[in-house]
Structure formats: C-alpha cells, structure tokens
Amino acid sequence: MEFPESEIAEIKKFVNLLNSQKNSAVVVEGKRDSAALVKLG
C-alpha cells in the first residue's frame, strides 16, 4: 500500500507535535502500532 508524500508529511508533523508536549503520554493499541510510531519519530 502506498501513501502520498503529503499524507506522510502530515503524520510526521503530528508525531512531532506529540513529541513536543510535556507531561503527556501516547497510548497505542498494539506492538505494530508502537513500532510504527517509533519508526516515524
């Protein structure tokens, strides 16, 4: 499955926003979700 570069950029931007938050946590459903978020940043 391929995704447009613009969609990937938006997801990376969102992950960066999450990473910049203080005193917060991100909860994911499974190991693959966790691995995907780690890979994105």
PDB file of N, CA and C in Angstrom:
ATOM      1  N   MET A   1       0.843  -1.169   0.000  1.00  0.00           N
ATOM      2  CA  MET A   1       0.000   0.000   0.000  1.00  0.00           C
ATOM      3  C   MET A   1       0.895   1.242   0.000  1.00  0.00           C
ATOM      4  N   GLU A   2       0.620   2.164  -0.869  1.00  0.00           N
ATOM      5  CA  GLU A   2       1.404   3.395  -0.953  1.00  0.00           C
ATOM      6  C   GLU A   2       0.556   4.584  -0.524  1.00  0.00           C
ATOM      7  N   PHE A   3       1.225   5.549   0.082  1.00  0.00           N
ATOM      8  CA  PHE A   3       0.551   6.747   0.554  1.00  0.00           C
ATOM      9  C   PHE A   3       1.209   7.961  -0.073  1.00  0.00           C
ATOM     10  N   PRO A   4       0.432   9.010  -0.335  1.00  0.00           N
ATOM     11  CA  PRO A   4       1.008  10.236  -0.901  1.00  0.00           C
ATOM     12  C   PRO A   4       1.988  10.876   0.088  1.00  0.00           C
ATOM     13  N   GLU A   5       3.018  11.489  -0.444  1.00  0.00           N
ATOM     14  CA  GLU A   5       4.025  12.156   0.390  1.00  0.00           C
ATOM     15  C   GLU A   5       3.398  13.197   1.310  1.00  0.00           C
ATOM     16  N   SER A   6       2.364  13.876   0.838  1.00  0.00           N
ATOM     17  CA  SER A   6       1.720  14.907   1.660  1.00  0.00           C
ATOM     18  C   SER A   6       1.074  14.296   2.905  1.00  0.00           C
ATOM     19  N   GLU A   7       0.499  13.109   2.761  1.00  0.00           N
ATOM     20  CA  GLU A   7      -0.123  12.435   3.903  1.00  0.00           C
ATOM     21  C   GLU A   7       0.944  11.984   4.909  1.00  0.00           C
ATOM     22  N   ILE A   8       2.049  11.481   4.411  1.00  0.00           N
ATOM     23  CA  ILE A   8       3.153  11.070   5.275  1.00  0.00           C
ATOM     24  C   ILE A   8       3.709  12.278   6.023  1.00  0.00           C
ATOM     25  N   ALA A   9       3.844  13.394   5.331  1.00  0.00           N
ATOM     26  CA  ALA A   9       4.353  14.618   5.955  1.00  0.00           C
ATOM     27  C   ALA A   9       3.423  15.086   7.073  1.00  0.00           C
ATOM     28  N   GLU A  10       2.127  14.992   6.861  1.00  0.00           N
ATOM     29  CA  GLU A  10       1.160  15.398   7.889  1.00  0.00           C
ATOM     30  C   GLU A  10       1.255  14.504   9.121  1.00  0.00           C
ATOM     31  N   ILE A  11       1.438  13.217   8.916  1.00  0.00           N
ATOM     32  CA  ILE A  11       1.567  12.290  10.044  1.00  0.00           C
ATOM     33  C   ILE A  11       2.846  12.584  10.817  1.00  0.00           C
ATOM     34  N   LYS A  12       3.940  12.835  10.105  1.00  0.00           N
ATOM     35  CA  LYS A  12       5.201  13.172  10.775  1.00  0.00           C
ATOM     36  C   LYS A  12       5.064  14.464  11.565  1.00  0.00           C
ATOM     37  N   LYS A  13       4.347  15.425  11.007  1.00  0.00           N
ATOM     38  CA  LYS A  13       4.111  16.694  11.697  1.00  0.00           C
ATOM     39  C   LYS A  13       3.326  16.453  12.992  1.00  0.00           C
ATOM     40  N   PHE A  14       2.327  15.581  12.916  1.00  0.00           N
ATOM     41  CA  PHE A  14       1.516  15.243  14.086  1.00  0.00           C
ATOM     42  C   PHE A  14       2.368  14.538  15.149  1.00  0.00           C
ATOM     43  N   VAL A  15       3.220  13.607  14.740  1.00  0.00           N
ATOM     44  CA  VAL A  15       4.098  12.901  15.678  1.00  0.00           C
ATOM     45  C   VAL A  15       5.051  13.889  16.346  1.00  0.00           C
ATOM     46  N   ASN A  16       5.588  14.825  15.587  1.00  0.00           N
ATOM     47  CA  ASN A  16       6.467  15.850  16.169  1.00  0.00           C
ATOM     48  C   ASN A  16       5.721  16.695  17.191  1.00  0.00           C
ATOM     49  N   LEU A  17       4.466  17.004  16.903  1.00  0.00           N
ATOM     50  CA  LEU A  17       3.641  17.755  17.847  1.00  0.00           C
ATOM     51  C   LEU A  17       3.465  16.958  19.137  1.00  0.00           C
ATOM     52  N   LEU A  18       3.172  15.666  19.007  1.00  0.00           N
ATOM     53  CA  LEU A  18       3.031  14.821  20.194  1.00  0.00           C
ATOM     54  C   LEU A  18       4.330  14.775  20.990  1.00  0.00           C
ATOM     55  N   ASN A  19       5.451  14.660  20.293  1.00  0.00           N
ATOM     56  CA  ASN A  19       6.757  14.584  20.956  1.00  0.00           C
ATOM     57  C   ASN A  19       7.105  15.868  21.690  1.00  0.00           C
ATOM     58  N   SER A  20       6.558  16.985  21.260  1.00  0.00           N
ATOM     59  CA  SER A  20       6.898  18.266  21.878  1.00  0.00           C
ATOM     60  C   SER A  20       6.074  18.561  23.133  1.00  0.00           C
ATOM     61  N   GLN A  21       5.045  17.777  23.394  1.00  0.00           N
ATOM     62  CA  GLN A  21       4.187  18.003  24.556  1.00  0.00           C
ATOM     63  C   GLN A  21       4.882  17.544  25.836  1.00  0.00           C
ATOM     64  N   LYS A  22       4.749  18.328  26.875  1.00  0.00           N
ATOM     65  CA  LYS A  22       5.324  17.996  28.183  1.00  0.00           C
ATOM     66  C   LYS A  22       4.279  17.245  29.013  1.00  0.00           C
ATOM     67  N   ASN A  23       4.756  16.325  29.840  1.00  0.00           N
ATOM     68  CA  ASN A  23       3.888  15.589  30.771  1.00  0.00           C
ATOM     69  C   ASN A  23       2.700  14.934  30.077  1.00  0.00           C
ATOM     70  N   SER A  24       2.964  14.263  28.990  1.00  0.00           N
ATOM     71  CA  SER A  24       1.884  13.609  28.257  1.00  0.00           C
ATOM     72  C   SER A  24       2.305  12.195  27.882  1.00  0.00           C
ATOM     73  N   ALA A  25       1.321  11.404  27.483  1.00  0.00           N
ATOM     74  CA  ALA A  25       1.585  10.020  27.073  1.00  0.00           C
ATOM     75  C   ALA A  25       0.777   9.713  25.823  1.00  0.00           C
ATOM     76  N   VAL A  26       1.324   8.847  24.996  1.00  0.00           N
ATOM     77  CA  VAL A  26       0.618   8.375  23.811  1.00  0.00           C
ATOM     78  C   VAL A  26       0.336   6.894  24.021  1.00  0.00           C
ATOM     79  N   VAL A  27      -0.928   6.507  23.931  1.00  0.00           N
ATOM     80  CA  VAL A  27      -1.326   5.116  24.118  1.00  0.00           C
ATOM     81  C   VAL A  27      -1.673   4.537  22.755  1.00  0.00           C
ATOM     82  N   VAL A  28      -1.085   3.374  22.452  1.00  0.00           N
ATOM     83  CA  VAL A  28      -1.360   2.705  21.184  1.00  0.00           C
ATOM     84  C   VAL A  28      -1.963   1.336  21.456  1.00  0.00           C
ATOM     85  N   GLU A  29      -2.577   0.771  20.431  1.00  0.00           N
ATOM     86  CA  GLU A  29      -3.320  -0.471  20.599  1.00  0.00           C
ATOM     87  C   GLU A  29      -2.441  -1.721  20.603  1.00  0.00           C
ATOM     88  N   GLY A  30      -1.428  -1.753  19.768  1.00  0.00           N
ATOM     89  CA  GLY A  30      -0.647  -2.984  19.670  1.00  0.00           C
ATOM     90  C   GLY A  30       0.822  -2.734  19.398  1.00  0.00           C
ATOM     91  N   LYS A  31       1.581  -3.839  19.335  1.00  0.00           N
ATOM     92  CA  LYS A  31       3.026  -3.734  19.113  1.00  0.00           C
ATOM     93  C   LYS A  31       3.350  -3.113  17.762  1.00  0.00           C
ATOM     94  N   ARG A  32       2.575  -3.446  16.730  1.00  0.00           N
ATOM     95  CA  ARG A  32       2.856  -2.874  15.407  1.00  0.00           C
ATOM     96  C   ARG A  32       2.592  -1.379  15.392  1.00  0.00           C
ATOM     97  N   ASP A  33       1.546  -0.937  16.109  1.00  0.00           N
ATOM     98  CA  ASP A  33       1.272   0.500  16.202  1.00  0.00           C
ATOM     99  C   ASP A  33       2.424   1.211  16.898  1.00  0.00           C
ATOM    100  N   SER A  34       2.889   0.612  17.971  1.00  0.00           N
ATOM    101  CA  SER A  34       4.012   1.186  18.710  1.00  0.00           C
ATOM    102  C   SER A  34       5.257   1.260  17.841  1.00  0.00           C
ATOM    103  N   ALA A  35       5.548   0.186  17.138  1.00  0.00           N
ATOM    104  CA  ALA A  35       6.728   0.152  16.266  1.00  0.00           C
ATOM    105  C   ALA A  35       6.617   1.192  15.158  1.00  0.00           C
ATOM    106  N   ALA A  36       5.418   1.364  14.621  1.00  0.00           N
ATOM    107  CA  ALA A  36       5.218   2.344  13.549  1.00  0.00           C
ATOM    108  C   ALA A  36       5.470   3.757  14.057  1.00  0.00           C
ATOM    109  N   LEU A  37       4.989   4.069  15.254  1.00  0.00           N
ATOM    110  CA  LEU A  37       5.217   5.404  15.810  1.00  0.00           C
ATOM    111  C   LEU A  37       6.688   5.637  16.114  1.00  0.00           C
ATOM    112  N   VAL A  38       7.355   4.626  16.624  1.00  0.00           N
ATOM    113  CA  VAL A  38       8.793   4.759  16.893  1.00  0.00           C
ATOM    114  C   VAL A  38       9.540   5.018  15.592  1.00  0.00           C
ATOM    115  N   LYS A  39       9.164   4.316  14.546  1.00  0.00           N
ATOM    116  CA  LYS A  39       9.830   4.482  13.252  1.00  0.00           C
ATOM    117  C   LYS A  39       9.618   5.893  12.689  1.00  0.00           C
ATOM    118  N   LEU A  40       8.428   6.462  12.927  1.00  0.00           N
ATOM    119  CA  LEU A  40       8.138   7.809  12.434  1.00  0.00           C
ATOM    120  C   LEU A  40       8.879   8.887  13.214  1.00  0.00           C
ATOM    121  N   GLY A  41       9.244   8.627  14.427  1.00  0.00           N
ATOM    122  CA  GLY A  41       9.983   9.639  15.168  1.00  0.00           C
ATOM    123  C   GLY A  41       9.647   9.663  16.600  1.00  0.00           C
TER     124      GLY A  41
END
